Amino acid sequence: MNSSVLQRKILSVSVEVERETSIERDGLVRFLATVMWAGPGGDQEPRGVGSLTGWISRGLDGEFLWDLCDELSADAECVGAIAREILNPNEDFFVMDVLLVDRMFLEPSWRGRRLTGALVEEIMDLLGLNRDMSAVVLCPEPQSKRGGPFDLGPERDEAMQRLRLAYEASGFRQWGESSCWWLPPEGVQLSE
């Protein structure tokens, strides 16, 4: 894990996999990860401080994955379209599995602590995804302190810039000119 907070086990992550029969049968499985905090010494009743939701794709063809995502929702279609491009044969890297993140939330007091990479890594470990052959795709959307996305304007632009910097510090890279970001397989060196 790349976060001292997670290394000291102040935060814990649990993952629940939803059984959506038609989608699961086709190879796309919904997940919900909950981030818990049990106080500074781990001696308090744990409480939720964040969550991540999305889908796990194991060994699917890019076109088929995109079709499944398109059937689910606009958010799924967005990350599915990028996953389709990533899964297409590429000389620089090989991807077998993809973690598609449609929502990532941390309480405001936990933001800015560089937890994104550590949380994603922990979820991938819990789901048994091989980092040498797996990628992560997400589309950042900053959330206001009052809940929900910001209205368009300077406040949202500033929040989006902070969020993008946090993702970049966690190893994520913007996919081309799209609004989506991806975390390449372990060991893949990308030219900027």
N, C-alpha and C. Protein backbone atom coordinates (compact mmCIF):
# COMPACT_ATOMS: atom_id res chain seq x y z
N MET A 1 0.84 -1.19 0.00
CA MET A 1 0.00 0.00 0.00
C MET A 1 0.88 1.24 0.00
N ASN A 2 0.44 2.26 -0.70
CA ASN A 2 1.27 3.45 -0.80
C ASN A 2 0.80 4.58 0.09
N SER A 3 0.04 4.30 1.10
CA SER A 3 -0.41 5.34 2.02
C SER A 3 -0.09 4.93 3.44
N SER A 4 0.60 5.81 4.17
CA SER A 4 0.94 5.48 5.55
C SER A 4 -0.32 5.31 6.40
N VAL A 5 -1.39 6.02 6.06
CA VAL A 5 -2.64 5.87 6.81
C VAL A 5 -3.16 4.45 6.70
N LEU A 6 -3.20 3.90 5.47
CA LEU A 6 -3.67 2.54 5.31
C LEU A 6 -2.68 1.54 5.89
N GLN A 7 -1.37 1.82 5.81
CA GLN A 7 -0.38 0.90 6.35
C GLN A 7 -0.55 0.73 7.84
N ARG A 8 -0.94 1.78 8.53
CA ARG A 8 -1.14 1.68 9.98
C ARG A 8 -2.51 1.11 10.31
N LYS A 9 -3.27 0.76 9.27
CA LYS A 9 -4.59 0.16 9.43
C LYS A 9 -5.58 1.06 10.16
N ILE A 10 -5.41 2.36 10.01
CA ILE A 10 -6.40 3.29 10.55
C ILE A 10 -7.66 3.21 9.69
N LEU A 11 -7.46 3.04 8.40
CA LEU A 11 -8.58 2.86 7.48
C LEU A 11 -8.63 1.41 7.06
N SER A 12 -9.83 0.92 6.87
CA SER A 12 -9.97 -0.43 6.31
C SER A 12 -10.96 -0.35 5.16
N VAL A 13 -10.82 -1.27 4.24
CA VAL A 13 -11.66 -1.30 3.05
C VAL A 13 -12.32 -2.66 2.97
N SER A 14 -13.61 -2.67 2.71
CA SER A 14 -14.30 -3.93 2.44
C SER A 14 -14.99 -3.80 1.10
N VAL A 15 -15.10 -4.92 0.39
CA VAL A 15 -15.71 -4.91 -0.93
C VAL A 15 -16.86 -5.89 -0.96
N GLU A 16 -17.98 -5.44 -1.48
CA GLU A 16 -19.16 -6.27 -1.67
C GLU A 16 -19.41 -6.37 -3.17
N VAL A 17 -19.62 -7.57 -3.64
CA VAL A 17 -19.89 -7.78 -5.06
C VAL A 17 -21.36 -8.08 -5.22
N GLU A 18 -22.03 -7.30 -6.06
CA GLU A 18 -23.46 -7.50 -6.31
C GLU A 18 -23.66 -8.55 -7.37
N ARG A 19 -24.65 -9.36 -7.20
CA ARG A 19 -24.95 -10.41 -8.16
C ARG A 19 -26.06 -9.96 -9.10
N GLU A 20 -25.69 -9.28 -10.17
CA GLU A 20 -26.63 -8.88 -11.20
C GLU A 20 -26.60 -9.99 -12.26
N THR A 21 -27.54 -10.88 -12.20
CA THR A 21 -27.44 -12.13 -12.96
C THR A 21 -27.18 -11.94 -14.45
N SER A 22 -27.91 -11.08 -15.12
CA SER A 22 -27.71 -10.96 -16.57
C SER A 22 -26.34 -10.37 -16.88
N ILE A 23 -25.93 -9.38 -16.12
CA ILE A 23 -24.63 -8.75 -16.38
C ILE A 23 -23.50 -9.66 -15.91
N GLU A 24 -23.66 -10.24 -14.72
CA GLU A 24 -22.61 -11.11 -14.20
C GLU A 24 -22.36 -12.28 -15.13
N ARG A 25 -23.41 -12.83 -15.67
CA ARG A 25 -23.26 -13.97 -16.58
C ARG A 25 -22.42 -13.57 -17.79
N ASP A 26 -22.53 -12.33 -18.19
CA ASP A 26 -21.77 -11.86 -19.34
C ASP A 26 -20.35 -11.43 -18.98
N GLY A 27 -20.00 -11.43 -17.69
CA GLY A 27 -18.63 -11.14 -17.28
C GLY A 27 -18.40 -9.77 -16.69
N LEU A 28 -19.43 -8.98 -16.48
CA LEU A 28 -19.30 -7.66 -15.87
C LEU A 28 -20.01 -7.71 -14.53
N VAL A 29 -19.27 -7.47 -13.45
CA VAL A 29 -19.81 -7.61 -12.10
C VAL A 29 -19.73 -6.28 -11.38
N ARG A 30 -20.82 -5.89 -10.72
CA ARG A 30 -20.90 -4.64 -9.95
C ARG A 30 -20.21 -4.82 -8.61
N PHE A 31 -19.48 -3.78 -8.14
CA PHE A 31 -18.88 -3.83 -6.81
C PHE A 31 -19.18 -2.56 -6.04
N LEU A 32 -19.16 -2.68 -4.73
CA LEU A 32 -19.28 -1.55 -3.81
C LEU A 32 -18.17 -1.73 -2.77
N ALA A 33 -17.29 -0.76 -2.67
CA ALA A 33 -16.22 -0.78 -1.67
C ALA A 33 -16.53 0.29 -0.63
N THR A 34 -16.43 -0.08 0.63
CA THR A 34 -16.69 0.84 1.73
C THR A 34 -15.39 1.11 2.47
N VAL A 35 -15.11 2.39 2.74
CA VAL A 35 -13.91 2.79 3.46
C VAL A 35 -14.34 3.13 4.88
N MET A 36 -13.72 2.46 5.85
CA MET A 36 -14.09 2.63 7.26
C MET A 36 -12.93 3.21 8.05
N TRP A 37 -13.27 3.95 9.12
CA TRP A 37 -12.29 4.49 10.05
C TRP A 37 -12.71 4.11 11.46
N ALA A 38 -11.75 3.64 12.26
CA ALA A 38 -12.06 3.20 13.62
C ALA A 38 -11.31 4.02 14.66
N GLY A 39 -11.10 5.29 14.39
CA GLY A 39 -10.44 6.16 15.35
C GLY A 39 -8.93 6.08 15.25
N PRO A 40 -8.23 6.99 15.96
CA PRO A 40 -6.78 7.07 15.84
C PRO A 40 -6.05 5.79 16.24
N GLY A 41 -6.55 5.07 17.20
CA GLY A 41 -5.90 3.84 17.62
C GLY A 41 -6.65 2.61 17.18
N GLY A 42 -7.67 2.80 16.37
CA GLY A 42 -8.48 1.68 15.94
C GLY A 42 -9.39 1.15 17.03
N ASP A 43 -9.62 1.99 18.06
CA ASP A 43 -10.36 1.52 19.24
C ASP A 43 -11.79 2.03 19.31
N GLN A 44 -12.25 2.73 18.31
CA GLN A 44 -13.62 3.24 18.31
C GLN A 44 -14.48 2.37 17.40
N GLU A 45 -15.78 2.56 17.51
CA GLU A 45 -16.71 1.88 16.60
C GLU A 45 -16.44 2.37 15.19
N PRO A 46 -16.14 1.47 14.24
CA PRO A 46 -15.84 1.92 12.87
C PRO A 46 -17.02 2.68 12.27
N ARG A 47 -16.68 3.71 11.48
CA ARG A 47 -17.70 4.45 10.76
C ARG A 47 -17.23 4.67 9.33
N GLY A 48 -18.18 4.73 8.43
CA GLY A 48 -17.87 4.92 7.02
C GLY A 48 -17.37 6.32 6.75
N VAL A 49 -16.28 6.43 5.99
CA VAL A 49 -15.74 7.74 5.60
C VAL A 49 -15.65 7.87 4.09
N GLY A 50 -16.04 6.81 3.37
CA GLY A 50 -15.99 6.90 1.91
C GLY A 50 -16.46 5.63 1.25
N SER A 51 -16.56 5.70 -0.07
CA SER A 51 -16.98 4.53 -0.83
C SER A 51 -16.54 4.66 -2.29
N LEU A 52 -16.45 3.53 -2.94
CA LEU A 52 -16.18 3.47 -4.38
C LEU A 52 -17.14 2.44 -4.96
N THR A 53 -17.70 2.75 -6.12
CA THR A 53 -18.57 1.79 -6.79
C THR A 53 -18.17 1.70 -8.25
N GLY A 54 -18.53 0.61 -8.86
CA GLY A 54 -18.23 0.43 -10.27
C GLY A 54 -18.42 -1.01 -10.69
N TRP A 55 -17.66 -1.42 -11.70
CA TRP A 55 -17.79 -2.76 -12.26
C TRP A 55 -16.42 -3.38 -12.46
N ILE A 56 -16.37 -4.69 -12.43
CA ILE A 56 -15.17 -5.46 -12.67
C ILE A 56 -15.37 -6.20 -14.00
N SER A 57 -14.43 -6.05 -14.89
CA SER A 57 -14.45 -6.76 -16.16
C SER A 57 -13.26 -7.71 -16.18
N ARG A 58 -13.54 -8.99 -16.34
CA ARG A 58 -12.46 -9.99 -16.36
C ARG A 58 -12.41 -10.67 -17.73
N GLY A 59 -11.38 -10.33 -18.48
CA GLY A 59 -11.11 -11.01 -19.74
C GLY A 59 -12.10 -10.76 -20.85
N LEU A 60 -12.83 -9.65 -20.81
CA LEU A 60 -13.80 -9.37 -21.85
C LEU A 60 -13.16 -8.68 -23.05
N ASP A 61 -13.69 -8.93 -24.20
CA ASP A 61 -13.34 -8.22 -25.42
C ASP A 61 -13.81 -6.77 -25.26
N GLY A 62 -13.04 -5.81 -25.78
CA GLY A 62 -13.36 -4.40 -25.62
C GLY A 62 -14.71 -4.00 -26.17
N GLU A 63 -15.08 -4.50 -27.35
CA GLU A 63 -16.38 -4.15 -27.95
C GLU A 63 -17.52 -4.70 -27.11
N PHE A 64 -17.38 -5.95 -26.66
CA PHE A 64 -18.42 -6.57 -25.86
C PHE A 64 -18.58 -5.83 -24.53
N LEU A 65 -17.46 -5.47 -23.90
CA LEU A 65 -17.50 -4.72 -22.64
C LEU A 65 -18.21 -3.39 -22.85
N TRP A 66 -17.87 -2.68 -23.91
CA TRP A 66 -18.50 -1.39 -24.16
C TRP A 66 -20.01 -1.56 -24.36
N ASP A 67 -20.42 -2.59 -25.09
CA ASP A 67 -21.86 -2.84 -25.29
C ASP A 67 -22.57 -3.06 -23.96
N LEU A 68 -21.95 -3.86 -23.07
CA LEU A 68 -22.55 -4.11 -21.75
C LEU A 68 -22.67 -2.80 -20.96
N CYS A 69 -21.61 -2.00 -20.98
CA CYS A 69 -21.61 -0.73 -20.25
C CYS A 69 -22.67 0.22 -20.82
N ASP A 70 -22.80 0.23 -22.13
CA ASP A 70 -23.78 1.10 -22.78
C ASP A 70 -25.20 0.75 -22.34
N GLU A 71 -25.46 -0.53 -22.08
CA GLU A 71 -26.78 -0.96 -21.62
C GLU A 71 -27.06 -0.53 -20.18
N LEU A 72 -26.00 -0.34 -19.38
CA LEU A 72 -26.16 -0.05 -17.95
C LEU A 72 -26.56 1.39 -17.66
N SER A 73 -25.71 2.35 -18.09
CA SER A 73 -25.96 3.76 -17.77
C SER A 73 -25.00 4.64 -18.55
N ALA A 74 -25.25 5.93 -18.51
CA ALA A 74 -24.36 6.89 -19.17
C ALA A 74 -22.99 6.89 -18.51
N ASP A 75 -22.93 6.78 -17.18
CA ASP A 75 -21.65 6.73 -16.48
C ASP A 75 -20.86 5.49 -16.89
N ALA A 76 -21.53 4.35 -16.95
CA ALA A 76 -20.86 3.11 -17.34
C ALA A 76 -20.39 3.20 -18.79
N GLU A 77 -21.20 3.79 -19.65
CA GLU A 77 -20.83 3.91 -21.07
C GLU A 77 -19.57 4.75 -21.22
N CYS A 78 -19.46 5.80 -20.44
CA CYS A 78 -18.29 6.70 -20.52
C CYS A 78 -17.00 5.94 -20.20
N VAL A 79 -16.97 5.23 -19.08
CA VAL A 79 -15.75 4.50 -18.73
C VAL A 79 -15.59 3.26 -19.61
N GLY A 80 -16.70 2.68 -20.05
CA GLY A 80 -16.65 1.51 -20.93
C GLY A 80 -16.04 1.85 -22.28
N ALA A 81 -16.31 3.05 -22.79
CA ALA A 81 -15.74 3.46 -24.08
C ALA A 81 -14.21 3.55 -23.99
N ILE A 82 -13.71 4.07 -22.89
CA ILE A 82 -12.25 4.16 -22.70
C ILE A 82 -11.67 2.77 -22.50
N ALA A 83 -12.36 1.93 -21.72
CA ALA A 83 -11.89 0.55 -21.51
C ALA A 83 -11.80 -0.19 -22.84
N ARG A 84 -12.75 0.06 -23.74
CA ARG A 84 -12.72 -0.57 -25.07
C ARG A 84 -11.42 -0.21 -25.78
N GLU A 85 -11.03 1.06 -25.72
CA GLU A 85 -9.79 1.49 -26.37
C GLU A 85 -8.57 0.86 -25.71
N ILE A 86 -8.59 0.77 -24.38
CA ILE A 86 -7.47 0.18 -23.64
C ILE A 86 -7.32 -1.31 -23.95
N LEU A 87 -8.45 -1.99 -24.09
CA LEU A 87 -8.41 -3.43 -24.33
C LEU A 87 -8.05 -3.79 -25.77
N ASN A 88 -8.16 -2.85 -26.69
CA ASN A 88 -7.75 -3.13 -28.08
C ASN A 88 -6.26 -3.47 -28.09
N PRO A 89 -5.83 -4.33 -28.99
CA PRO A 89 -4.41 -4.71 -29.02
C PRO A 89 -3.51 -3.48 -29.03
N ASN A 90 -2.51 -3.51 -28.16
CA ASN A 90 -1.61 -2.38 -28.01
C ASN A 90 -0.19 -2.92 -27.91
N GLU A 91 0.74 -2.30 -28.61
CA GLU A 91 2.13 -2.76 -28.59
C GLU A 91 2.82 -2.47 -27.27
N ASP A 92 2.35 -1.47 -26.53
CA ASP A 92 3.05 -1.03 -25.33
C ASP A 92 2.64 -1.74 -24.05
N PHE A 93 1.45 -2.33 -24.01
CA PHE A 93 1.00 -2.98 -22.78
C PHE A 93 -0.10 -3.98 -23.10
N PHE A 94 -0.36 -4.89 -22.15
CA PHE A 94 -1.42 -5.88 -22.27
C PHE A 94 -2.34 -5.74 -21.07
N VAL A 95 -3.64 -5.65 -21.32
CA VAL A 95 -4.62 -5.56 -20.25
C VAL A 95 -5.60 -6.72 -20.39
N MET A 96 -5.78 -7.44 -19.30
CA MET A 96 -6.73 -8.56 -19.28
C MET A 96 -8.02 -8.15 -18.55
N ASP A 97 -7.86 -7.49 -17.39
CA ASP A 97 -9.00 -7.11 -16.55
C ASP A 97 -9.03 -5.60 -16.38
N VAL A 98 -10.26 -5.08 -16.19
CA VAL A 98 -10.42 -3.64 -16.00
C VAL A 98 -11.35 -3.39 -14.82
N LEU A 99 -10.94 -2.47 -13.95
CA LEU A 99 -11.78 -1.99 -12.85
C LEU A 99 -12.36 -0.66 -13.31
N LEU A 100 -13.66 -0.61 -13.51
CA LEU A 100 -14.35 0.59 -13.96
C LEU A 100 -14.97 1.26 -12.74
N VAL A 101 -14.51 2.44 -12.40
CA VAL A 101 -15.01 3.16 -11.21
C VAL A 101 -15.97 4.23 -11.68
N ASP A 102 -17.24 4.14 -11.21
CA ASP A 102 -18.19 5.19 -11.60
C ASP A 102 -18.41 6.21 -10.50
N ARG A 103 -18.14 5.87 -9.25
CA ARG A 103 -18.27 6.83 -8.15
C ARG A 103 -17.16 6.58 -7.13
N MET A 104 -16.53 7.67 -6.70
CA MET A 104 -15.56 7.61 -5.61
C MET A 104 -15.88 8.78 -4.70
N PHE A 105 -16.10 8.48 -3.43
CA PHE A 105 -16.46 9.54 -2.48
C PHE A 105 -15.65 9.38 -1.21
N LEU A 106 -15.10 10.47 -0.71
CA LEU A 106 -14.51 10.54 0.62
C LEU A 106 -15.11 11.74 1.33
N GLU A 107 -15.39 11.58 2.61
CA GLU A 107 -15.87 12.72 3.39
C GLU A 107 -14.87 13.85 3.25
N PRO A 108 -15.34 15.10 3.28
CA PRO A 108 -14.44 16.24 3.08
C PRO A 108 -13.20 16.24 3.99
N SER A 109 -13.35 15.80 5.24
CA SER A 109 -12.19 15.81 6.15
C SER A 109 -11.12 14.80 5.74
N TRP A 110 -11.45 13.83 4.87
CA TRP A 110 -10.49 12.82 4.42
C TRP A 110 -9.91 13.13 3.04
N ARG A 111 -10.38 14.18 2.42
CA ARG A 111 -9.87 14.55 1.10
C ARG A 111 -8.51 15.23 1.24
N GLY A 112 -7.71 15.18 0.17
CA GLY A 112 -6.41 15.83 0.18
C GLY A 112 -5.34 15.06 0.93
N ARG A 113 -5.58 13.80 1.24
CA ARG A 113 -4.60 12.99 1.97
C ARG A 113 -3.90 11.95 1.09
N ARG A 114 -4.07 12.08 -0.22
CA ARG A 114 -3.44 11.18 -1.19
C ARG A 114 -3.82 9.72 -0.94
N LEU A 115 -5.10 9.48 -0.78
CA LEU A 115 -5.60 8.14 -0.51
C LEU A 115 -6.07 7.40 -1.77
N THR A 116 -6.29 8.09 -2.85
CA THR A 116 -6.87 7.47 -4.04
C THR A 116 -6.10 6.22 -4.47
N GLY A 117 -4.81 6.36 -4.68
CA GLY A 117 -4.00 5.23 -5.13
C GLY A 117 -4.03 4.07 -4.16
N ALA A 118 -3.92 4.37 -2.87
CA ALA A 118 -3.92 3.32 -1.85
C ALA A 118 -5.27 2.61 -1.80
N LEU A 119 -6.36 3.36 -1.92
CA LEU A 119 -7.68 2.74 -1.90
C LEU A 119 -7.90 1.85 -3.12
N VAL A 120 -7.54 2.34 -4.28
CA VAL A 120 -7.70 1.55 -5.50
C VAL A 120 -6.84 0.29 -5.43
N GLU A 121 -5.61 0.43 -4.94
CA GLU A 121 -4.72 -0.73 -4.79
C GLU A 121 -5.31 -1.76 -3.84
N GLU A 122 -5.86 -1.30 -2.74
CA GLU A 122 -6.47 -2.21 -1.76
C GLU A 122 -7.67 -2.94 -2.37
N ILE A 123 -8.49 -2.22 -3.11
CA ILE A 123 -9.66 -2.84 -3.76
C ILE A 123 -9.21 -3.88 -4.79
N MET A 124 -8.20 -3.54 -5.56
CA MET A 124 -7.70 -4.50 -6.54
C MET A 124 -7.17 -5.76 -5.86
N ASP A 125 -6.47 -5.59 -4.74
CA ASP A 125 -5.99 -6.75 -3.98
C ASP A 125 -7.16 -7.59 -3.48
N LEU A 126 -8.17 -6.92 -2.91
CA LEU A 126 -9.32 -7.65 -2.38
C LEU A 126 -10.08 -8.40 -3.48
N LEU A 127 -10.11 -7.84 -4.67
CA LEU A 127 -10.81 -8.46 -5.79
C LEU A 127 -9.94 -9.46 -6.56
N GLY A 128 -8.67 -9.56 -6.19
CA GLY A 128 -7.78 -10.50 -6.84
C GLY A 128 -7.39 -10.11 -8.25
N LEU A 129 -7.32 -8.80 -8.53
CA LEU A 129 -6.92 -8.33 -9.85
C LEU A 129 -5.40 -8.22 -9.92
N ASN A 130 -4.79 -8.82 -10.92
CA ASN A 130 -3.35 -8.81 -11.11
C ASN A 130 -2.93 -7.44 -11.65
N ARG A 131 -2.13 -6.69 -10.90
CA ARG A 131 -1.74 -5.33 -11.28
C ARG A 131 -0.88 -5.30 -12.54
N ASP A 132 -0.25 -6.44 -12.91
CA ASP A 132 0.56 -6.47 -14.12
C ASP A 132 -0.30 -6.55 -15.38
N MET A 133 -1.57 -6.95 -15.24
CA MET A 133 -2.43 -7.13 -16.41
C MET A 133 -3.80 -6.46 -16.24
N SER A 134 -3.89 -5.53 -15.31
CA SER A 134 -5.17 -4.86 -15.04
C SER A 134 -5.01 -3.35 -15.13
N ALA A 135 -6.07 -2.69 -15.55
CA ALA A 135 -6.11 -1.24 -15.61
C ALA A 135 -7.35 -0.76 -14.86
N VAL A 136 -7.33 0.50 -14.45
CA VAL A 136 -8.45 1.14 -13.77
C VAL A 136 -8.87 2.33 -14.62
N VAL A 137 -10.18 2.52 -14.80
CA VAL A 137 -10.70 3.65 -15.56
C VAL A 137 -11.72 4.38 -14.71
N LEU A 138 -11.65 5.70 -14.70
CA LEU A 138 -12.65 6.52 -13.99
C LEU A 138 -12.77 7.88 -14.67
N CYS A 139 -13.88 8.54 -14.42
CA CYS A 139 -14.11 9.90 -14.91
C CYS A 139 -14.29 10.80 -13.70
N PRO A 140 -13.32 11.66 -13.40
CA PRO A 140 -13.42 12.48 -12.20
C PRO A 140 -14.56 13.50 -12.26
N GLU A 141 -15.22 13.64 -11.14
CA GLU A 141 -16.25 14.67 -10.98
C GLU A 141 -16.21 15.11 -9.52
N PRO A 142 -15.70 16.31 -9.25
CA PRO A 142 -15.59 16.76 -7.85
C PRO A 142 -16.97 16.91 -7.21
N GLN A 143 -17.01 16.63 -5.92
CA GLN A 143 -18.25 16.73 -5.16
C GLN A 143 -18.16 17.88 -4.16
N SER A 144 -19.20 18.66 -4.07
CA SER A 144 -19.21 19.79 -3.15
C SER A 144 -19.38 19.29 -1.72
N LYS A 145 -19.06 20.13 -0.76
CA LYS A 145 -19.20 19.75 0.65
C LYS A 145 -20.64 19.54 1.04
N ARG A 146 -21.56 20.17 0.32
CA ARG A 146 -22.98 20.00 0.64
C ARG A 146 -23.56 18.74 -0.02
N GLY A 147 -22.73 18.06 -0.83
CA GLY A 147 -23.16 16.84 -1.50
C GLY A 147 -23.52 17.09 -2.94
N GLY A 148 -23.20 16.15 -3.79
CA GLY A 148 -23.50 16.28 -5.20
C GLY A 148 -22.44 17.07 -5.94
N PRO A 149 -22.51 17.04 -7.27
CA PRO A 149 -21.52 17.75 -8.07
C PRO A 149 -21.69 19.27 -7.99
N PHE A 150 -20.60 19.95 -8.27
CA PHE A 150 -20.61 21.41 -8.32
C PHE A 150 -21.39 21.88 -9.55
N ASP A 151 -21.94 23.07 -9.45
CA ASP A 151 -22.47 23.72 -10.63
C ASP A 151 -21.29 24.16 -11.49
N LEU A 152 -21.51 24.30 -12.79
CA LEU A 152 -20.45 24.78 -13.67
C LEU A 152 -20.01 26.16 -13.24
N GLY A 153 -18.70 26.40 -13.28
CA GLY A 153 -18.18 27.70 -12.91
C GLY A 153 -16.80 27.59 -12.29
N PRO A 154 -16.28 28.70 -11.79
CA PRO A 154 -14.91 28.74 -11.27
C PRO A 154 -14.69 27.80 -10.07
N GLU A 155 -15.70 27.67 -9.20
CA GLU A 155 -15.54 26.79 -8.03
C GLU A 155 -15.36 25.34 -8.47
N ARG A 156 -16.16 24.90 -9.46
CA ARG A 156 -16.02 23.56 -9.98
C ARG A 156 -14.67 23.38 -10.69
N ASP A 157 -14.27 24.38 -11.48
CA ASP A 157 -13.00 24.30 -12.20
C ASP A 157 -11.83 24.12 -11.22
N GLU A 158 -11.85 24.87 -10.13
CA GLU A 158 -10.79 24.77 -9.12
C GLU A 158 -10.82 23.39 -8.45
N ALA A 159 -12.01 22.91 -8.11
CA ALA A 159 -12.13 21.59 -7.49
C ALA A 159 -11.69 20.49 -8.45
N MET A 160 -12.02 20.63 -9.73
CA MET A 160 -11.62 19.65 -10.73
C MET A 160 -10.10 19.63 -10.87
N GLN A 161 -9.47 20.77 -10.85
CA GLN A 161 -8.01 20.83 -10.94
C GLN A 161 -7.36 20.12 -9.75
N ARG A 162 -7.88 20.34 -8.54
CA ARG A 162 -7.35 19.64 -7.35
C ARG A 162 -7.52 18.13 -7.49
N LEU A 163 -8.69 17.72 -7.97
CA LEU A 163 -8.97 16.30 -8.14
C LEU A 163 -8.04 15.67 -9.17
N ARG A 164 -7.84 16.35 -10.28
CA ARG A 164 -6.93 15.83 -11.31
C ARG A 164 -5.51 15.72 -10.80
N LEU A 165 -5.06 16.70 -10.03
CA LEU A 165 -3.72 16.64 -9.45
C LEU A 165 -3.60 15.46 -8.48
N ALA A 166 -4.66 15.20 -7.72
CA ALA A 166 -4.65 14.06 -6.80
C ALA A 166 -4.58 12.75 -7.57
N TYR A 167 -5.34 12.63 -8.66
CA TYR A 167 -5.28 11.40 -9.46
C TYR A 167 -3.91 11.23 -10.09
N GLU A 168 -3.36 12.32 -10.59
CA GLU A 168 -2.03 12.24 -11.21
C GLU A 168 -0.98 11.81 -10.18
N ALA A 169 -1.06 12.33 -8.96
CA ALA A 169 -0.12 11.93 -7.90
C ALA A 169 -0.27 10.46 -7.55
N SER A 170 -1.43 9.88 -7.82
CA SER A 170 -1.68 8.46 -7.54
C SER A 170 -1.33 7.56 -8.72
N GLY A 171 -0.79 8.13 -9.79
CA GLY A 171 -0.37 7.33 -10.93
C GLY A 171 -1.36 7.29 -12.08
N PHE A 172 -2.53 7.92 -11.93
CA PHE A 172 -3.51 7.96 -13.00
C PHE A 172 -3.05 8.95 -14.08
N ARG A 173 -3.49 8.69 -15.31
CA ARG A 173 -3.19 9.56 -16.44
C ARG A 173 -4.46 9.81 -17.23
N GLN A 174 -4.59 11.00 -17.77
CA GLN A 174 -5.75 11.30 -18.60
C GLN A 174 -5.64 10.49 -19.88
N TRP A 175 -6.78 9.91 -20.31
CA TRP A 175 -6.78 9.12 -21.54
C TRP A 175 -7.01 10.07 -22.72
N GLY A 176 -5.94 10.38 -23.43
CA GLY A 176 -6.02 11.25 -24.59
C GLY A 176 -6.64 12.59 -24.23
N GLU A 177 -7.61 13.00 -25.02
CA GLU A 177 -8.32 14.26 -24.78
C GLU A 177 -9.65 14.05 -24.07
N SER A 178 -9.91 12.81 -23.64
CA SER A 178 -11.20 12.51 -23.00
C SER A 178 -11.26 13.07 -21.59
N SER A 179 -12.44 12.97 -20.98
CA SER A 179 -12.60 13.39 -19.59
C SER A 179 -12.26 12.26 -18.62
N CYS A 180 -11.94 11.08 -19.15
CA CYS A 180 -11.63 9.91 -18.31
C CYS A 180 -10.14 9.80 -18.03
N TRP A 181 -9.85 9.17 -16.91
CA TRP A 181 -8.49 8.91 -16.49
C TRP A 181 -8.33 7.42 -16.31
N TRP A 182 -7.08 6.94 -16.42
CA TRP A 182 -6.83 5.51 -16.25
C TRP A 182 -5.55 5.30 -15.47
N LEU A 183 -5.50 4.17 -14.81
CA LEU A 183 -4.31 3.73 -14.09
C LEU A 183 -3.79 2.53 -14.87
N PRO A 184 -2.64 2.69 -15.54
CA PRO A 184 -2.12 1.60 -16.37
C PRO A 184 -1.70 0.39 -15.53
N PRO A 185 -1.49 -0.74 -16.18
CA PRO A 185 -0.97 -1.90 -15.46
C PRO A 185 0.38 -1.56 -14.81
N GLU A 186 0.69 -2.25 -13.73
CA GLU A 186 1.95 -2.07 -13.02
C GLU A 186 3.13 -2.22 -13.98
N GLY A 187 4.08 -1.34 -13.89
CA GLY A 187 5.29 -1.44 -14.69
C GLY A 187 5.21 -0.80 -16.06
N VAL A 188 4.04 -0.33 -16.48
CA VAL A 188 3.91 0.32 -17.79
C VAL A 188 4.39 1.75 -17.67
N GLN A 189 5.38 2.08 -18.48
CA GLN A 189 5.92 3.44 -18.52
C GLN A 189 5.31 4.16 -19.70
N LEU A 190 4.62 5.25 -19.43
CA LEU A 190 3.97 6.00 -20.49
C LEU A 190 4.80 7.23 -20.85
N SER A 191 4.89 7.49 -22.14
CA SER A 191 5.58 8.71 -22.57
C SER A 191 4.57 9.85 -22.53
N GLU A 192 4.98 10.94 -22.00
CA GLU A 192 4.08 12.10 -21.85
C GLU A 192 4.15 12.97 -23.08
